Amino acid sequence: MRILMIGIVAAVSMLGMGSTAGERPGARTHTITIEAMKYQPESVTVAVGDRVVWVNKDVVAHTATSPKGGFDSKMIAPAESWTLTVRTAGAFAYICTYHPTMKATLRVK
């Protein structure tokens, strides 16, 4: 059984299905904090291939959802995070679907 598990882990790694799959060399990680019912910063500019991490420091769940379909974190529980590797250039307004007054913008060059 152990040999089977090692083989599965190796196969997944070789297919590039890990968290670093498709990252460009020199990709940066940008952190957006969710706290006091706000995204901080409210606007961030990143490059295609960069990673964006939303960290929920609030006591309630939130989402980071682009209403026009760019991305959707689903629920980010308190003290949890969600990471997106950006693949498409553009400006993406996003909201929290639970608290629609929470708004921010992700700009991708």
C-alpha atoms as a PDB file:
ATOM      1  CA  MET A   1       0.000   0.000   0.000  1.00  0.00           C
ATOM      2  CA  ARG A   2       2.838   2.384   0.852  1.00  0.00           C
ATOM      3  CA  ILE A   3       4.456   1.835  -2.557  1.00  0.00           C
ATOM      4  CA  LEU A   4       1.121   2.599  -4.233  1.00  0.00           C
ATOM      5  CA  MET A   5       0.780   5.888  -2.301  1.00  0.00           C
ATOM      6  CA  ILE A   6       4.352   6.920  -3.182  1.00  0.00           C
ATOM      7  CA  GLY A   7       3.606   6.160  -6.844  1.00  0.00           C
ATOM      8  CA  ILE A   8       0.431   8.266  -6.766  1.00  0.00           C
ATOM      9  CA  VAL A   9       2.254  11.211  -5.165  1.00  0.00           C
ATOM     10  CA  ALA A  10       5.025  10.966  -7.770  1.00  0.00           C
ATOM     11  CA  ALA A  11       2.509  10.803 -10.629  1.00  0.00           C
ATOM     12  CA  VAL A  12       0.630  13.870  -9.393  1.00  0.00           C
ATOM     13  CA  SER A  13       3.904  15.794  -9.039  1.00  0.00           C
ATOM     14  CA  MET A  14       5.006  14.835 -12.541  1.00  0.00           C
ATOM     15  CA  LEU A  15       1.698  15.987 -14.024  1.00  0.00           C
ATOM     16  CA  GLY A  16       2.173  19.444 -12.525  1.00  0.00           C
ATOM     17  CA  MET A  17      -0.946  19.294 -10.409  1.00  0.00           C
ATOM     18  CA  GLY A  18       0.754  20.699  -7.305  1.00  0.00           C
ATOM     19  CA  SER A  19       0.404  24.253  -6.054  1.00  0.00           C
ATOM     20  CA  THR A  20       3.272  25.472  -8.251  1.00  0.00           C
ATOM     21  CA  ALA A  21       1.841  24.170 -11.531  1.00  0.00           C
ATOM     22  CA  GLY A  22       2.057  26.696 -14.342  1.00  0.00           C
ATOM     23  CA  GLU A  23       3.852  29.375 -12.357  1.00  0.00           C
ATOM     24  CA  ARG A  24       6.229  31.583 -14.277  1.00  0.00           C
ATOM     25  CA  PRO A  25       9.804  32.079 -13.076  1.00  0.00           C
ATOM     26  CA  GLY A  26       9.958  35.147 -10.855  1.00  0.00           C
ATOM     27  CA  ALA A  27       6.232  35.051 -10.066  1.00  0.00           C
ATOM     28  CA  ARG A  28       5.350  37.151  -7.040  1.00  0.00           C
ATOM     29  CA  THR A  29       2.863  36.490  -4.280  1.00  0.00           C
ATOM     30  CA  HIS A  30       0.510  39.314  -3.287  1.00  0.00           C
ATOM     31  CA  THR A  31      -1.519  39.176  -0.070  1.00  0.00           C
ATOM     32  CA  ILE A  32      -4.942  40.722   0.385  1.00  0.00           C
ATOM     33  CA  THR A  33      -6.196  40.786   3.956  1.00  0.00           C
ATOM     34  CA  ILE A  34      -9.898  40.552   4.737  1.00  0.00           C
ATOM     35  CA  GLU A  35     -10.484  42.350   8.026  1.00  0.00           C
ATOM     36  CA  ALA A  36     -13.136  44.648   9.510  1.00  0.00           C
ATOM     37  CA  MET A  37     -15.416  43.807   6.568  1.00  0.00           C
ATOM     38  CA  LYS A  38     -12.914  45.209   4.017  1.00  0.00           C
ATOM     39  CA  TYR A  39     -10.353  43.962   1.539  1.00  0.00           C
ATOM     40  CA  GLN A  40      -6.943  45.523   2.171  1.00  0.00           C
ATOM     41  CA  PRO A  41      -5.693  46.827  -0.163  1.00  0.00           C
ATOM     42  CA  GLU A  42      -8.890  47.610  -2.056  1.00  0.00           C
ATOM     43  CA  SER A  43      -6.953  47.708  -5.333  1.00  0.00           C
ATOM     44  CA  VAL A  44      -3.897  45.694  -6.289  1.00  0.00           C
ATOM     45  CA  THR A  45      -1.999  45.386  -9.580  1.00  0.00           C
ATOM     46  CA  VAL A  46      -0.237  42.107 -10.394  1.00  0.00           C
ATOM     47  CA  ALA A  47       1.327  40.401 -13.409  1.00  0.00           C
ATOM     48  CA  VAL A  48      -0.003  37.374 -15.278  1.00  0.00           C
ATOM     49  CA  GLY A  49       1.434  34.330 -13.492  1.00  0.00           C
ATOM     50  CA  ASP A  50       1.563  35.986 -10.070  1.00  0.00           C
ATOM     51  CA  ARG A  51      -0.238  34.487  -7.084  1.00  0.00           C
ATOM     52  CA  VAL A  52      -2.804  36.397  -5.045  1.00  0.00           C
ATOM     53  CA  VAL A  53      -3.637  35.166  -1.548  1.00  0.00           C
ATOM     54  CA  TRP A  54      -6.749  36.343   0.299  1.00  0.00           C
ATOM     55  CA  VAL A  55      -6.352  35.887   4.079  1.00  0.00           C
ATOM     56  CA  ASN A  56      -9.528  36.091   6.165  1.00  0.00           C
ATOM     57  CA  LYS A  57      -8.787  37.739   9.527  1.00  0.00           C
ATOM     58  CA  ASP A  58     -12.457  38.464  10.213  1.00  0.00           C
ATOM     59  CA  VAL A  59     -14.683  36.444  12.555  1.00  0.00           C
ATOM     60  CA  VAL A  60     -17.113  35.583   9.733  1.00  0.00           C
ATOM     61  CA  ALA A  61     -16.710  33.841   6.374  1.00  0.00           C
ATOM     62  CA  HIS A  62     -16.177  35.827   3.165  1.00  0.00           C
ATOM     63  CA  THR A  63     -15.636  35.256  -0.545  1.00  0.00           C
ATOM     64  CA  ALA A  64     -13.580  36.932  -3.243  1.00  0.00           C
ATOM     65  CA  THR A  65     -15.897  36.684  -6.233  1.00  0.00           C
ATOM     66  CA  SER A  66     -15.681  38.411  -9.605  1.00  0.00           C
ATOM     67  CA  PRO A  67     -19.343  38.780 -10.662  1.00  0.00           C
ATOM     68  CA  LYS A  68     -18.365  38.668 -14.352  1.00  0.00           C
ATOM     69  CA  GLY A  69     -16.816  35.221 -13.961  1.00  0.00           C
ATOM     70  CA  GLY A  70     -13.108  35.958 -13.566  1.00  0.00           C
ATOM     71  CA  PHE A  71     -12.743  33.974 -10.328  1.00  0.00           C
ATOM     72  CA  ASP A  72     -14.653  32.744  -7.292  1.00  0.00           C
ATOM     73  CA  SER A  73     -13.027  31.685  -4.051  1.00  0.00           C
ATOM     74  CA  LYS A  74     -16.205  30.169  -2.658  1.00  0.00           C
ATOM     75  CA  MET A  75     -16.264  30.415   1.162  1.00  0.00           C
ATOM     76  CA  ILE A  76     -13.092  31.542   2.912  1.00  0.00           C
ATOM     77  CA  ALA A  77     -13.637  30.635   6.561  1.00  0.00           C
ATOM     78  CA  PRO A  78     -12.244  32.760   9.402  1.00  0.00           C
ATOM     79  CA  ALA A  79      -8.482  32.222   9.852  1.00  0.00           C
ATOM     80  CA  GLU A  80      -8.300  30.533   6.413  1.00  0.00           C
ATOM     81  CA  SER A  81      -6.966  31.697   3.027  1.00  0.00           C
ATOM     82  CA  TRP A  82      -7.490  31.172  -0.683  1.00  0.00           C
ATOM     83  CA  THR A  83      -4.867  31.436  -3.429  1.00  0.00           C
ATOM     84  CA  LEU A  84      -5.362  32.306  -7.093  1.00  0.00           C
ATOM     85  CA  THR A  85      -2.648  32.076  -9.744  1.00  0.00           C
ATOM     86  CA  VAL A  86      -3.605  34.795 -12.224  1.00  0.00           C
ATOM     87  CA  ARG A  87      -3.827  33.621 -15.848  1.00  0.00           C
ATOM     88  CA  THR A  88      -5.608  36.477 -17.680  1.00  0.00           C
ATOM     89  CA  ALA A  89      -4.835  40.188 -18.036  1.00  0.00           C
ATOM     90  CA  GLY A  90      -7.559  42.703 -17.286  1.00  0.00           C
ATOM     91  CA  ALA A  91      -9.328  44.547 -14.502  1.00  0.00           C
ATOM     92  CA  PHE A  92     -11.499  42.367 -12.278  1.00  0.00           C
ATOM     93  CA  ALA A  93     -13.875  43.995  -9.834  1.00  0.00           C
ATOM     94  CA  TYR A  94     -14.783  41.583  -7.065  1.00  0.00           C
ATOM     95  CA  ILE A  95     -17.079  41.403  -4.059  1.00  0.00           C
ATOM     96  CA  CYS A  96     -17.927  39.214  -1.097  1.00  0.00           C
ATOM     97  CA  THR A  97     -21.101  37.361  -2.052  1.00  0.00           C
ATOM     98  CA  TYR A  98     -22.118  37.244   1.624  1.00  0.00           C
ATOM     99  CA  HIS A  99     -21.483  40.986   2.118  1.00  0.00           C
ATOM    100  CA  PRO A 100     -21.931  42.721  -1.282  1.00  0.00           C
ATOM    101  CA  THR A 101     -20.902  46.119   0.088  1.00  0.00           C
ATOM    102  CA  MET A 102     -17.360  44.730   0.312  1.00  0.00           C
ATOM    103  CA  LYS A 103     -15.763  45.647  -3.015  1.00  0.00           C
ATOM    104  CA  ALA A 104     -12.261  45.695  -4.471  1.00  0.00           C
ATOM    105  CA  THR A 105     -10.384  45.455  -7.772  1.00  0.00           C
ATOM    106  CA  LEU A 106      -7.680  43.115  -9.024  1.00  0.00           C
ATOM    107  CA  ARG A 107      -5.748  44.551 -11.988  1.00  0.00           C
ATOM    108  CA  VAL A 108      -3.635  42.142 -14.000  1.00  0.00           C
ATOM    109  CA  LYS A 109      -0.992  43.324 -16.481  1.00  0.00           C
END
